[in-house]
Amino acid sequence: MTTLSLRVKPNAGRCGLAEDARGLLVKLDAPPVDGAANERLVRFLAREVFGIPQSDVTIVKGLRGRNKVVQVDLPEARVHELVREAVLAG
């Protein structure tokens, strides 16, 4: 298991990963209403970034805020490698 700290930007034009001065930023194409952004975050990370089942990605902190802590059921080195690739892909 690997833990990631990240910031979420809902209502973006499309989903993507970026790095800024604060760390990892996840842009989501979902509104922050009724848990839609959280659901989209888990789906985006699981399917599009890590290629794992959604059940292997869990938001462990920050369900109601933009700053979140996410747990991913992959080795830390693999998580960082896939995040780096996704950031570069833009």
PDB file of N, CA and C in Angstrom:
ATOM      1  N   MET A   1       0.832  -1.191   0.000  1.00  0.00           N
ATOM      2  CA  MET A   1       0.000   0.000   0.000  1.00  0.00           C
ATOM      3  C   MET A   1       0.875   1.252   0.000  1.00  0.00           C
ATOM      4  N   THR A   2       0.439   2.231  -0.757  1.00  0.00           N
ATOM      5  CA  THR A   2       1.139   3.502  -0.847  1.00  0.00           C
ATOM      6  C   THR A   2       0.166   4.633  -0.570  1.00  0.00           C
ATOM      7  N   THR A   3       0.609   5.638   0.140  1.00  0.00           N
ATOM      8  CA  THR A   3      -0.224   6.792   0.454  1.00  0.00           C
ATOM      9  C   THR A   3       0.264   7.998  -0.346  1.00  0.00           C
ATOM     10  N   LEU A   4      -0.696   8.691  -0.968  1.00  0.00           N
ATOM     11  CA  LEU A   4      -0.399   9.896  -1.748  1.00  0.00           C
ATOM     12  C   LEU A   4      -1.157  11.077  -1.163  1.00  0.00           C
ATOM     13  N   SER A   5      -0.481  12.203  -1.024  1.00  0.00           N
ATOM     14  CA  SER A   5      -1.148  13.453  -0.663  1.00  0.00           C
ATOM     15  C   SER A   5      -1.309  14.242  -1.947  1.00  0.00           C
ATOM     16  N   LEU A   6      -2.497  14.785  -2.163  1.00  0.00           N
ATOM     17  CA  LEU A   6      -2.750  15.520  -3.393  1.00  0.00           C
ATOM     18  C   LEU A   6      -3.803  16.585  -3.178  1.00  0.00           C
ATOM     19  N   ARG A   7      -3.881  17.480  -4.135  1.00  0.00           N
ATOM     20  CA  ARG A   7      -4.886  18.533  -4.151  1.00  0.00           C
ATOM     21  C   ARG A   7      -5.763  18.312  -5.365  1.00  0.00           C
ATOM     22  N   VAL A   8      -7.049  18.559  -5.229  1.00  0.00           N
ATOM     23  CA  VAL A   8      -8.009  18.311  -6.303  1.00  0.00           C
ATOM     24  C   VAL A   8      -8.572  19.632  -6.811  1.00  0.00           C
ATOM     25  N   LYS A   9      -8.688  19.727  -8.127  1.00  0.00           N
ATOM     26  CA  LYS A   9      -9.330  20.882  -8.752  1.00  0.00           C
ATOM     27  C   LYS A   9     -10.539  20.350  -9.534  1.00  0.00           C
ATOM     28  N   PRO A  10     -11.741  20.454  -8.946  1.00  0.00           N
ATOM     29  CA  PRO A  10     -12.941  19.986  -9.646  1.00  0.00           C
ATOM     30  C   PRO A  10     -13.357  20.954 -10.756  1.00  0.00           C
ATOM     31  N   ASN A  11     -14.280  20.530 -11.572  1.00  0.00           N
ATOM     32  CA  ASN A  11     -14.831  21.334 -12.674  1.00  0.00           C
ATOM     33  C   ASN A  11     -13.789  21.743 -13.714  1.00  0.00           C
ATOM     34  N   ALA A  12     -12.749  20.957 -13.864  1.00  0.00           N
ATOM     35  CA  ALA A  12     -11.758  21.222 -14.906  1.00  0.00           C
ATOM     36  C   ALA A  12     -12.315  20.729 -16.241  1.00  0.00           C
ATOM     37  N   GLY A  13     -11.760  21.178 -17.315  1.00  0.00           N
ATOM     38  CA  GLY A  13     -12.227  20.766 -18.634  1.00  0.00           C
ATOM     39  C   GLY A  13     -12.042  19.279 -18.898  1.00  0.00           C
ATOM     40  N   ARG A  14     -10.951  18.727 -18.337  1.00  0.00           N
ATOM     41  CA  ARG A  14     -10.688  17.296 -18.490  1.00  0.00           C
ATOM     42  C   ARG A  14      -9.863  16.838 -17.299  1.00  0.00           C
ATOM     43  N   CYS A  15      -9.769  15.554 -17.115  1.00  0.00           N
ATOM     44  CA  CYS A  15      -8.985  15.004 -16.016  1.00  0.00           C
ATOM     45  C   CYS A  15      -7.513  14.974 -16.386  1.00  0.00           C
ATOM     46  N   GLY A  16      -6.668  15.180 -15.389  1.00  0.00           N
ATOM     47  CA  GLY A  16      -5.238  15.105 -15.616  1.00  0.00           C
ATOM     48  C   GLY A  16      -4.468  15.322 -14.328  1.00  0.00           C
ATOM     49  N   LEU A  17      -3.184  15.004 -14.389  1.00  0.00           N
ATOM     50  CA  LEU A  17      -2.291  15.196 -13.260  1.00  0.00           C
ATOM     51  C   LEU A  17      -1.273  16.273 -13.603  1.00  0.00           C
ATOM     52  N   ALA A  18      -0.920  17.065 -12.614  1.00  0.00           N
ATOM     53  CA  ALA A  18       0.102  18.091 -12.783  1.00  0.00           C
ATOM     54  C   ALA A  18       0.818  18.269 -11.454  1.00  0.00           C
ATOM     55  N   GLU A  19       1.974  18.882 -11.508  1.00  0.00           N
ATOM     56  CA  GLU A  19       2.688  19.239 -10.291  1.00  0.00           C
ATOM     57  C   GLU A  19       2.789  20.752 -10.238  1.00  0.00           C
ATOM     58  N   ASP A  20       2.599  21.299  -9.040  1.00  0.00           N
ATOM     59  CA  ASP A  20       2.792  22.723  -8.848  1.00  0.00           C
ATOM     60  C   ASP A  20       3.591  22.927  -7.574  1.00  0.00           C
ATOM     61  N   ALA A  21       3.704  24.149  -7.121  1.00  0.00           N
ATOM     62  CA  ALA A  21       4.509  24.453  -5.942  1.00  0.00           C
ATOM     63  C   ALA A  21       4.014  23.727  -4.690  1.00  0.00           C
ATOM     64  N   ARG A  22       2.743  23.390  -4.652  1.00  0.00           N
ATOM     65  CA  ARG A  22       2.169  22.711  -3.482  1.00  0.00           C
ATOM     66  C   ARG A  22       2.281  21.196  -3.557  1.00  0.00           C
ATOM     67  N   GLY A  23       2.603  20.645  -4.702  1.00  0.00           N
ATOM     68  CA  GLY A  23       2.706  19.194  -4.841  1.00  0.00           C
ATOM     69  C   GLY A  23       1.893  18.678  -6.005  1.00  0.00           C
ATOM     70  N   LEU A  24       1.282  17.536  -5.829  1.00  0.00           N
ATOM     71  CA  LEU A  24       0.520  16.885  -6.882  1.00  0.00           C
ATOM     72  C   LEU A  24      -0.889  17.466  -6.973  1.00  0.00           C
ATOM     73  N   LEU A  25      -1.281  17.863  -8.180  1.00  0.00           N
ATOM     74  CA  LEU A  25      -2.601  18.429  -8.438  1.00  0.00           C
ATOM     75  C   LEU A  25      -3.343  17.504  -9.394  1.00  0.00           C
ATOM     76  N   VAL A  26      -4.570  17.143  -9.030  1.00  0.00           N
ATOM     77  CA  VAL A  26      -5.403  16.305  -9.883  1.00  0.00           C
ATOM     78  C   VAL A  26      -6.566  17.155 -10.371  1.00  0.00           C
ATOM     79  N   LYS A  27      -6.633  17.344 -11.677  1.00  0.00           N
ATOM     80  CA  LYS A  27      -7.744  18.078 -12.282  1.00  0.00           C
ATOM     81  C   LYS A  27      -8.837  17.075 -12.627  1.00  0.00           C
ATOM     82  N   LEU A  28     -10.066  17.408 -12.239  1.00  0.00           N
ATOM     83  CA  LEU A  28     -11.196  16.497 -12.450  1.00  0.00           C
ATOM     84  C   LEU A  28     -12.295  17.180 -13.254  1.00  0.00           C
ATOM     85  N   ASP A  29     -12.914  16.431 -14.150  1.00  0.00           N
ATOM     86  CA  ASP A  29     -14.018  16.949 -14.954  1.00  0.00           C
ATOM     87  C   ASP A  29     -15.370  16.661 -14.305  1.00  0.00           C
ATOM     88  N   ALA A  30     -15.419  16.761 -12.979  1.00  0.00           N
ATOM     89  CA  ALA A  30     -16.646  16.518 -12.227  1.00  0.00           C
ATOM     90  C   ALA A  30     -16.828  17.634 -11.204  1.00  0.00           C
ATOM     91  N   PRO A  31     -18.073  17.962 -10.880  1.00  0.00           N
ATOM     92  CA  PRO A  31     -18.329  19.008  -9.888  1.00  0.00           C
ATOM     93  C   PRO A  31     -18.181  18.466  -8.463  1.00  0.00           C
ATOM     94  N   PRO A  32     -17.899  19.354  -7.503  1.00  0.00           N
ATOM     95  CA  PRO A  32     -17.785  18.923  -6.107  1.00  0.00           C
ATOM     96  C   PRO A  32     -19.151  18.843  -5.433  1.00  0.00           C
ATOM     97  N   VAL A  33     -20.055  18.103  -6.020  1.00  0.00           N
ATOM     98  CA  VAL A  33     -21.427  18.016  -5.523  1.00  0.00           C
ATOM     99  C   VAL A  33     -21.792  16.555  -5.295  1.00  0.00           C
ATOM    100  N   ASP A  34     -22.353  16.265  -4.137  1.00  0.00           N
ATOM    101  CA  ASP A  34     -22.840  14.921  -3.809  1.00  0.00           C
ATOM    102  C   ASP A  34     -21.795  13.827  -4.025  1.00  0.00           C
ATOM    103  N   GLY A  35     -20.538  14.132  -3.771  1.00  0.00           N
ATOM    104  CA  GLY A  35     -19.489  13.134  -3.882  1.00  0.00           C
ATOM    105  C   GLY A  35     -19.044  12.812  -5.294  1.00  0.00           C
ATOM    106  N   ALA A  36     -19.532  13.554  -6.282  1.00  0.00           N
ATOM    107  CA  ALA A  36     -19.193  13.262  -7.683  1.00  0.00           C
ATOM    108  C   ALA A  36     -17.698  13.412  -7.947  1.00  0.00           C
ATOM    109  N   ALA A  37     -17.077  14.435  -7.376  1.00  0.00           N
ATOM    110  CA  ALA A  37     -15.646  14.642  -7.598  1.00  0.00           C
ATOM    111  C   ALA A  37     -14.828  13.531  -6.932  1.00  0.00           C
ATOM    112  N   ASN A  38     -15.239  13.090  -5.748  1.00  0.00           N
ATOM    113  CA  ASN A  38     -14.528  11.994  -5.083  1.00  0.00           C
ATOM    114  C   ASN A  38     -14.640  10.700  -5.889  1.00  0.00           C
ATOM    115  N   GLU A  39     -15.825  10.417  -6.382  1.00  0.00           N
ATOM    116  CA  GLU A  39     -16.017   9.215  -7.205  1.00  0.00           C
ATOM    117  C   GLU A  39     -15.173   9.292  -8.469  1.00  0.00           C
ATOM    118  N   ARG A  40     -15.137  10.459  -9.085  1.00  0.00           N
ATOM    119  CA  ARG A  40     -14.357  10.632 -10.313  1.00  0.00           C
ATOM    120  C   ARG A  40     -12.867  10.520 -10.013  1.00  0.00           C
ATOM    121  N   LEU A  41     -12.430  11.041  -8.873  1.00  0.00           N
ATOM    122  CA  LEU A  41     -11.029  10.941  -8.478  1.00  0.00           C
ATOM    123  C   LEU A  41     -10.601   9.481  -8.374  1.00  0.00           C
ATOM    124  N   VAL A  42     -11.379   8.682  -7.663  1.00  0.00           N
ATOM    125  CA  VAL A  42     -11.049   7.266  -7.500  1.00  0.00           C
ATOM    126  C   VAL A  42     -11.045   6.562  -8.853  1.00  0.00           C
ATOM    127  N   ARG A  43     -12.047   6.810  -9.667  1.00  0.00           N
ATOM    128  CA  ARG A  43     -12.130   6.175 -10.991  1.00  0.00           C
ATOM    129  C   ARG A  43     -10.960   6.596 -11.887  1.00  0.00           C
ATOM    130  N   PHE A  44     -10.640   7.895 -11.889  1.00  0.00           N
ATOM    131  CA  PHE A  44      -9.543   8.403 -12.709  1.00  0.00           C
ATOM    132  C   PHE A  44      -8.210   7.781 -12.290  1.00  0.00           C
ATOM    133  N   LEU A  45      -7.921   7.829 -10.997  1.00  0.00           N
ATOM    134  CA  LEU A  45      -6.657   7.273 -10.532  1.00  0.00           C
ATOM    135  C   LEU A  45      -6.567   5.775 -10.807  1.00  0.00           C
ATOM    136  N   ALA A  46      -7.621   5.053 -10.483  1.00  0.00           N
ATOM    137  CA  ALA A  46      -7.589   3.598 -10.653  1.00  0.00           C
ATOM    138  C   ALA A  46      -7.467   3.197 -12.115  1.00  0.00           C
ATOM    139  N   ARG A  47      -8.352   3.686 -12.937  1.00  0.00           N
ATOM    140  CA  ARG A  47      -8.405   3.241 -14.337  1.00  0.00           C
ATOM    141  C   ARG A  47      -7.355   3.897 -15.222  1.00  0.00           C
ATOM    142  N   GLU A  48      -7.247   5.208 -15.128  1.00  0.00           N
ATOM    143  CA  GLU A  48      -6.453   5.950 -16.110  1.00  0.00           C
ATOM    144  C   GLU A  48      -4.998   6.175 -15.701  1.00  0.00           C
ATOM    145  N   VAL A  49      -4.715   6.166 -14.411  1.00  0.00           N
ATOM    146  CA  VAL A  49      -3.333   6.391 -13.982  1.00  0.00           C
ATOM    147  C   VAL A  49      -2.649   5.080 -13.607  1.00  0.00           C
ATOM    148  N   PHE A  50      -3.305   4.288 -12.761  1.00  0.00           N
ATOM    149  CA  PHE A  50      -2.656   3.093 -12.227  1.00  0.00           C
ATOM    150  C   PHE A  50      -3.050   1.783 -12.908  1.00  0.00           C
ATOM    151  N   GLY A  51      -4.168   1.751 -13.619  1.00  0.00           N
ATOM    152  CA  GLY A  51      -4.597   0.521 -14.283  1.00  0.00           C
ATOM    153  C   GLY A  51      -4.941  -0.597 -13.314  1.00  0.00           C
ATOM    154  N   ILE A  52      -5.625  -0.240 -12.236  1.00  0.00           N
ATOM    155  CA  ILE A  52      -6.011  -1.213 -11.215  1.00  0.00           C
ATOM    156  C   ILE A  52      -7.509  -1.070 -10.937  1.00  0.00           C
ATOM    157  N   PRO A  53      -8.109  -2.029 -10.241  1.00  0.00           N
ATOM    158  CA  PRO A  53      -9.534  -1.907  -9.893  1.00  0.00           C
ATOM    159  C   PRO A  53      -9.783  -0.725  -8.958  1.00  0.00           C
ATOM    160  N   GLN A  54     -10.955  -0.136  -9.066  1.00  0.00           N
ATOM    161  CA  GLN A  54     -11.315   1.003  -8.226  1.00  0.00           C
ATOM    162  C   GLN A  54     -11.253   0.646  -6.749  1.00  0.00           C
ATOM    163  N   SER A  55     -11.504  -0.603  -6.419  1.00  0.00           N
ATOM    164  CA  SER A  55     -11.474  -1.023  -5.018  1.00  0.00           C
ATOM    165  C   SER A  55     -10.070  -0.944  -4.423  1.00  0.00           C
ATOM    166  N   ASP A  56      -9.042  -0.781  -5.255  1.00  0.00           N
ATOM    167  CA  ASP A  56      -7.663  -0.682  -4.784  1.00  0.00           C
ATOM    168  C   ASP A  56      -7.220   0.762  -4.561  1.00  0.00           C
ATOM    169  N   VAL A  57      -8.142   1.714  -4.722  1.00  0.00           N
ATOM    170  CA  VAL A  57      -7.858   3.139  -4.472  1.00  0.00           C
ATOM    171  C   VAL A  57      -8.889   3.643  -3.465  1.00  0.00           C
ATOM    172  N   THR A  58      -8.402   4.211  -2.362  1.00  0.00           N
ATOM    173  CA  THR A  58      -9.291   4.665  -1.296  1.00  0.00           C
ATOM    174  C   THR A  58      -8.894   6.054  -0.838  1.00  0.00           C
ATOM    175  N   ILE A  59      -9.873   6.937  -0.697  1.00  0.00           N
ATOM    176  CA  ILE A  59      -9.629   8.249  -0.102  1.00  0.00           C
ATOM    177  C   ILE A  59      -9.681   8.054   1.405  1.00  0.00           C
ATOM    178  N   VAL A  60      -8.563   8.276   2.083  1.00  0.00           N
ATOM    179  CA  VAL A  60      -8.503   8.041   3.517  1.00  0.00           C
ATOM    180  C   VAL A  60      -8.626   9.319   4.340  1.00  0.00           C
ATOM    181  N   LYS A  61      -8.468  10.466   3.675  1.00  0.00           N
ATOM    182  CA  LYS A  61      -8.597  11.737   4.384  1.00  0.00           C
ATOM    183  C   LYS A  61      -8.964  12.823   3.383  1.00  0.00           C
ATOM    184  N   GLY A  62      -9.867  13.717   3.791  1.00  0.00           N
ATOM    185  CA  GLY A  62     -10.207  14.858   2.961  1.00  0.00           C
ATOM    186  C   GLY A  62     -11.416  14.665   2.070  1.00  0.00           C
ATOM    187  N   LEU A  63     -12.371  13.867   2.480  1.00  0.00           N
ATOM    188  CA  LEU A  63     -13.554  13.623   1.654  1.00  0.00           C
ATOM    189  C   LEU A  63     -14.311  14.897   1.308  1.00  0.00           C
ATOM    190  N   ARG A  64     -14.252  15.916   2.172  1.00  0.00           N
ATOM    191  CA  ARG A  64     -15.012  17.146   1.923  1.00  0.00           C
ATOM    192  C   ARG A  64     -14.149  18.333   1.519  1.00  0.00           C
ATOM    193  N   GLY A  65     -12.860  18.124   1.351  1.00  0.00           N
ATOM    194  CA  GLY A  65     -11.979  19.232   1.004  1.00  0.00           C
ATOM    195  C   GLY A  65     -11.218  18.977  -0.275  1.00  0.00           C
ATOM    196  N   ARG A  66     -10.430  19.952  -0.668  1.00  0.00           N
ATOM    197  CA  ARG A  66      -9.615  19.811  -1.887  1.00  0.00           C
ATOM    198  C   ARG A  66      -8.316  19.073  -1.622  1.00  0.00           C
ATOM    199  N   ASN A  67      -7.836  19.118  -0.391  1.00  0.00           N
ATOM    200  CA  ASN A  67      -6.626  18.387  -0.025  1.00  0.00           C
ATOM    201  C   ASN A  67      -7.029  16.996   0.443  1.00  0.00           C
ATOM    202  N   LYS A  68      -6.430  15.997  -0.179  1.00  0.00           N
ATOM    203  CA  LYS A  68      -6.823  14.624   0.101  1.00  0.00           C
ATOM    204  C   LYS A  68      -5.607  13.740   0.316  1.00  0.00           C
ATOM    205  N   VAL A  69      -5.827  12.651   1.018  1.00  0.00           N
ATOM    206  CA  VAL A  69      -4.842  11.595   1.162  1.00  0.00           C
ATOM    207  C   VAL A  69      -5.500  10.347   0.589  1.00  0.00           C
ATOM    208  N   VAL A  70      -4.804   9.725  -0.358  1.00  0.00           N
ATOM    209  CA  VAL A  70      -5.343   8.571  -1.068  1.00  0.00           C
ATOM    210  C   VAL A  70      -4.407   7.396  -0.853  1.00  0.00           C
ATOM    211  N   GLN A  71      -5.001   6.231  -0.610  1.00  0.00           N
ATOM    212  CA  GLN A  71      -4.224   5.008  -0.455  1.00  0.00           C
ATOM    213  C   GLN A  71      -4.391   4.162  -1.711  1.00  0.00           C
ATOM    214  N   VAL A  72      -3.267   3.693  -2.259  1.00  0.00           N
ATOM    215  CA  VAL A  72      -3.250   2.919  -3.499  1.00  0.00           C
ATOM    216  C   VAL A  72      -2.605   1.574  -3.208  1.00  0.00           C
ATOM    217  N   ASP A  73      -3.262   0.506  -3.637  1.00  0.00           N
ATOM    218  CA  ASP A  73      -2.757  -0.843  -3.391  1.00  0.00           C
ATOM    219  C   ASP A  73      -1.750  -1.247  -4.468  1.00  0.00           C
ATOM    220  N   LEU A  74      -0.616  -0.549  -4.460  1.00  0.00           N
ATOM    221  CA  LEU A  74       0.517  -0.830  -5.343  1.00  0.00           C
ATOM    222  C   LEU A  74       1.791  -0.471  -4.580  1.00  0.00           C
ATOM    223  N   PRO A  75       2.923  -1.053  -4.956  1.00  0.00           N
ATOM    224  CA  PRO A  75       4.184  -0.671  -4.312  1.00  0.00           C
ATOM    225  C   PRO A  75       4.510   0.807  -4.574  1.00  0.00           C
ATOM    226  N   GLU A  76       5.166   1.429  -3.614  1.00  0.00           N
ATOM    227  CA  GLU A  76       5.454   2.851  -3.691  1.00  0.00           C
ATOM    228  C   GLU A  76       6.238   3.234  -4.949  1.00  0.00           C
ATOM    229  N   ALA A  77       7.237   2.455  -5.296  1.00  0.00           N
ATOM    230  CA  ALA A  77       8.046   2.773  -6.480  1.00  0.00           C
ATOM    231  C   ALA A  77       7.190   2.770  -7.744  1.00  0.00           C
ATOM    232  N   ARG A  78       6.271   1.819  -7.853  1.00  0.00           N
ATOM    233  CA  ARG A  78       5.397   1.734  -9.024  1.00  0.00           C
ATOM    234  C   ARG A  78       4.430   2.917  -9.070  1.00  0.00           C
ATOM    235  N   VAL A  79       3.883   3.301  -7.921  1.00  0.00           N
ATOM    236  CA  VAL A  79       2.974   4.449  -7.859  1.00  0.00           C
ATOM    237  C   VAL A  79       3.691   5.705  -8.340  1.00  0.00           C
ATOM    238  N   HIS A  80       4.894   5.946  -7.832  1.00  0.00           N
ATOM    239  CA  HIS A  80       5.627   7.155  -8.221  1.00  0.00           C
ATOM    240  C   HIS A  80       6.008   7.124  -9.700  1.00  0.00           C
ATOM    241  N   GLU A  81       6.319   5.964 -10.225  1.00  0.00           N
ATOM    242  CA  GLU A  81       6.643   5.828 -11.633  1.00  0.00           C
ATOM    243  C   GLU A  81       5.429   6.165 -12.509  1.00  0.00           C
ATOM    244  N   LEU A  82       4.266   5.623 -12.157  1.00  0.00           N
ATOM    245  CA  LEU A  82       3.055   5.869 -12.934  1.00  0.00           C
ATOM    246  C   LEU A  82       2.578   7.315 -12.809  1.00  0.00           C
ATOM    247  N   VAL A  83       2.722   7.901 -11.631  1.00  0.00           N
ATOM    248  CA  VAL A  83       2.364   9.318 -11.446  1.00  0.00           C
ATOM    249  C   VAL A  83       3.267  10.182 -12.311  1.00  0.00           C
ATOM    250  N   ARG A  84       4.552   9.913 -12.300  1.00  0.00           N
ATOM    251  CA  ARG A  84       5.508  10.682 -13.110  1.00  0.00           C
ATOM    252  C   ARG A  84       5.153  10.596 -14.592  1.00  0.00           C
ATOM    253  N   GLU A  85       4.815   9.399 -15.077  1.00  0.00           N
ATOM    254  CA  GLU A  85       4.410   9.225 -16.468  1.00  0.00           C
ATOM    255  C   GLU A  85       3.150  10.013 -16.792  1.00  0.00           C
ATOM    256  N   ALA A  86       2.171   9.987 -15.879  1.00  0.00           N
ATOM    257  CA  ALA A  86       0.908  10.702 -16.107  1.00  0.00           C
ATOM    258  C   ALA A  86       1.122  12.212 -16.100  1.00  0.00           C
ATOM    259  N   VAL A  87       2.003  12.704 -15.251  1.00  0.00           N
ATOM    260  CA  VAL A  87       2.282  14.141 -15.216  1.00  0.00           C
ATOM    261  C   VAL A  87       2.951  14.562 -16.515  1.00  0.00           C
ATOM    262  N   LEU A  88       3.893  13.780 -16.985  1.00  0.00           N
ATOM    263  CA  LEU A  88       4.576  14.104 -18.233  1.00  0.00           C
ATOM    264  C   LEU A  88       3.640  14.045 -19.432  1.00  0.00           C
ATOM    265  N   ALA A  89       2.675  13.128 -19.381  1.00  0.00           N
ATOM    266  CA  ALA A  89       1.699  13.006 -20.486  1.00  0.00           C
ATOM    267  C   ALA A  89       0.743  14.180 -20.501  1.00  0.00           C
ATOM    268  N   GLY A  90       0.635  14.825 -19.346  1.00  0.00           N
ATOM    269  CA  GLY A  90      -0.087  16.057 -19.244  1.00  0.00           C
ATOM    270  C   GLY A  90      -1.510  16.097 -19.233  1.00  0.00           C
TER     271      GLY A  90
END
